[in-house]
Each structure stands twice: as C-alpha cells, then as structure tokens.
Amino acid sequence: MILWPPDDTRQAVLTLLLIALAGVGLELLRRKTASEFPGAKRGDWMLAMRQRARRASVEAGRRIGSAVRELTDDDRHPDDAKLDRLARLGELKESGVLTSREFREEKKRILSG
C-alpha cells in the first residue's frame, strides 16, 4: 500500500488520511503523557526497572544466605544438629526457596558431613 503507488486517487487520499490520523494520535498521546508525568525523562522507566530488579536480587540473596547460615551454625550434638538442619531444609524446599536439585545436593552434604 505505501511501498508502491496507489491504484487510484481515492486510495491515495485514504492512505494519507490514515497516516495523518496516526500522527495526530501519537502527538496527543505524547502531550497527555507529558502533562501526567511532567518530570519524566526518556529512559526513566528502564532505570527504575533495573533498580527494582537489583534490589530484588540482593534481597533474595540475603534471605537465602540467612537460611543457609541457619542450617550450618550449630553448637549442639552433631546428630541433633543434622536432624534440625534436615527439617529446616525440608521447610525451605516446601516454601519454594530451594529447588529440588538444591535440596538433594544440600541433603547429601548434610548427611555425608
């Protein structure tokens, strides 16, 4: 339609009218956005999303590290500590913090050590 000349004048006028309407619509959208978010700059959204992802990653790492530390810091009898660590490991798997693979590897490590 736009790549080659239209067959008749009617089609050319319709094509130009649609292009003009799309341009007007985009300009109205740009103005509405500028009025609703006057301090916004190009790229702000992407920067905010990266910061949110970074904070979520740090928080997840902190929670997993804390959970693993709970599994390894014990001053009790080794057998009691193993049972408690295995129970806590099962809770972490059920709550979705650990995957099945991570659960199996940690369980092997606890039982062998």
Protein backbone atom coordinates (compact mmCIF):
# COMPACT_ATOMS: atom_id res chain seq x y z
CA MET A 1 0.00 0.00 0.00
CA ILE A 2 2.69 2.54 0.91
CA LEU A 3 5.53 0.79 -0.90
CA TRP A 4 4.06 1.36 -4.34
CA PRO A 5 1.80 4.00 -5.84
CA PRO A 6 -1.91 3.56 -5.13
CA ASP A 7 -4.20 2.44 -7.91
CA ASP A 8 -6.46 5.47 -7.74
CA THR A 9 -6.80 8.85 -6.05
CA ARG A 10 -9.30 7.57 -3.53
CA GLN A 11 -6.82 5.02 -2.17
CA ALA A 12 -4.06 7.66 -2.02
CA VAL A 13 -6.28 10.06 -0.07
CA LEU A 14 -7.33 7.30 2.33
CA THR A 15 -3.70 6.30 2.90
CA LEU A 16 -2.64 9.90 3.59
CA LEU A 17 -5.63 10.39 5.89
CA LEU A 18 -4.74 7.29 7.93
CA ILE A 19 -1.11 8.42 8.21
CA ALA A 20 -2.23 11.88 9.36
CA LEU A 21 -4.64 10.41 11.94
CA ALA A 22 -1.90 8.16 13.30
CA GLY A 23 0.44 11.16 13.61
CA VAL A 24 -2.21 13.24 15.38
CA GLY A 25 -2.98 10.36 17.73
CA LEU A 26 0.67 9.90 18.63
CA GLU A 27 1.11 13.63 19.27
CA LEU A 28 -1.97 13.70 21.53
CA LEU A 29 -0.65 10.70 23.43
CA ARG A 30 2.76 12.39 23.83
CA ARG A 31 1.12 15.58 25.18
CA LYS A 32 -1.11 13.65 27.59
CA THR A 33 1.87 11.70 28.90
CA ALA A 34 3.91 14.89 29.30
CA SER A 35 1.09 16.52 31.28
CA GLU A 36 0.60 13.49 33.56
CA PHE A 37 4.33 12.96 34.15
CA PRO A 38 5.94 16.41 33.87
CA GLY A 39 9.31 15.47 35.39
CA ALA A 40 9.77 12.25 33.43
CA LYS A 41 12.69 11.89 31.09
CA ARG A 42 13.41 9.35 28.42
CA GLY A 43 14.86 6.17 29.95
CA ASP A 44 13.49 6.73 33.48
CA TRP A 45 11.27 3.67 33.27
CA MET A 46 14.12 1.35 32.30
CA LEU A 47 16.35 2.74 35.04
CA ALA A 48 13.61 2.19 37.64
CA MET A 49 13.06 -1.39 36.46
CA ARG A 50 16.80 -2.15 36.68
CA GLN A 51 16.91 -0.75 40.22
CA ARG A 52 13.90 -2.84 41.25
CA ALA A 53 15.47 -5.99 39.80
CA ARG A 54 18.77 -5.25 41.55
CA ARG A 55 17.03 -4.72 44.91
CA ALA A 56 15.00 -7.92 44.49
CA SER A 57 18.15 -9.88 43.64
CA VAL A 58 20.03 -8.54 46.66
CA GLU A 59 17.08 -9.27 48.94
CA ALA A 60 16.72 -12.82 47.62
CA GLY A 61 20.43 -13.43 48.10
CA ARG A 62 20.24 -12.11 51.65
CA ARG A 63 17.29 -14.35 52.52
CA ILE A 64 18.88 -17.46 51.01
CA GLY A 65 22.19 -16.71 52.73
CA SER A 66 20.40 -16.30 56.04
CA ALA A 67 18.56 -19.59 55.58
CA VAL A 68 21.76 -21.44 54.73
CA ARG A 69 23.56 -19.91 57.73
CA GLU A 70 20.76 -21.20 59.95
CA LEU A 71 21.42 -24.66 58.55
CA THR A 72 25.15 -24.57 59.29
CA ASP A 73 25.56 -22.61 62.58
CA ASP A 74 25.05 -25.13 65.37
CA ASP A 75 26.80 -25.73 68.73
CA ARG A 76 24.73 -28.78 69.65
CA HIS A 77 25.32 -32.50 69.33
CA PRO A 78 26.07 -33.30 65.67
CA ASP A 79 23.16 -35.76 65.32
CA ASP A 80 20.64 -33.27 66.71
CA ALA A 81 22.05 -30.56 64.51
CA LYS A 82 21.75 -32.80 61.43
CA LEU A 83 18.10 -33.58 62.18
CA ASP A 84 17.27 -29.91 62.70
CA ARG A 85 19.12 -28.92 59.55
CA LEU A 86 17.30 -31.59 57.53
CA ALA A 87 13.94 -30.42 58.91
CA ARG A 88 14.76 -26.80 58.07
CA LEU A 89 15.95 -27.89 54.62
CA GLY A 90 12.59 -29.60 54.02
CA GLU A 91 10.76 -26.42 55.05
CA LEU A 92 12.86 -24.35 52.65
CA LYS A 93 12.06 -26.74 49.80
CA GLU A 94 8.33 -26.74 50.59
CA SER A 95 8.24 -22.94 50.73
CA GLY A 96 9.94 -22.71 47.32
CA VAL A 97 13.20 -21.12 48.47
CA LEU A 98 15.19 -24.17 47.31
CA THR A 99 14.73 -26.17 44.12
CA SER A 100 14.61 -29.96 44.17
CA ARG A 101 18.17 -30.11 42.87
CA GLU A 102 19.45 -27.72 45.52
CA PHE A 103 17.56 -29.70 48.16
CA ARG A 104 19.14 -33.01 47.08
CA GLU A 105 22.65 -31.54 46.98
CA GLU A 106 22.34 -29.92 50.40
CA LYS A 107 20.80 -33.07 51.86
CA LYS A 108 23.73 -35.15 50.58
CA ARG A 109 26.16 -32.65 52.05
CA ILE A 110 24.45 -32.71 55.47
CA LEU A 111 24.20 -36.50 55.60
CA SER A 112 27.79 -37.05 54.48
CA GLY A 113 29.29 -34.45 56.84
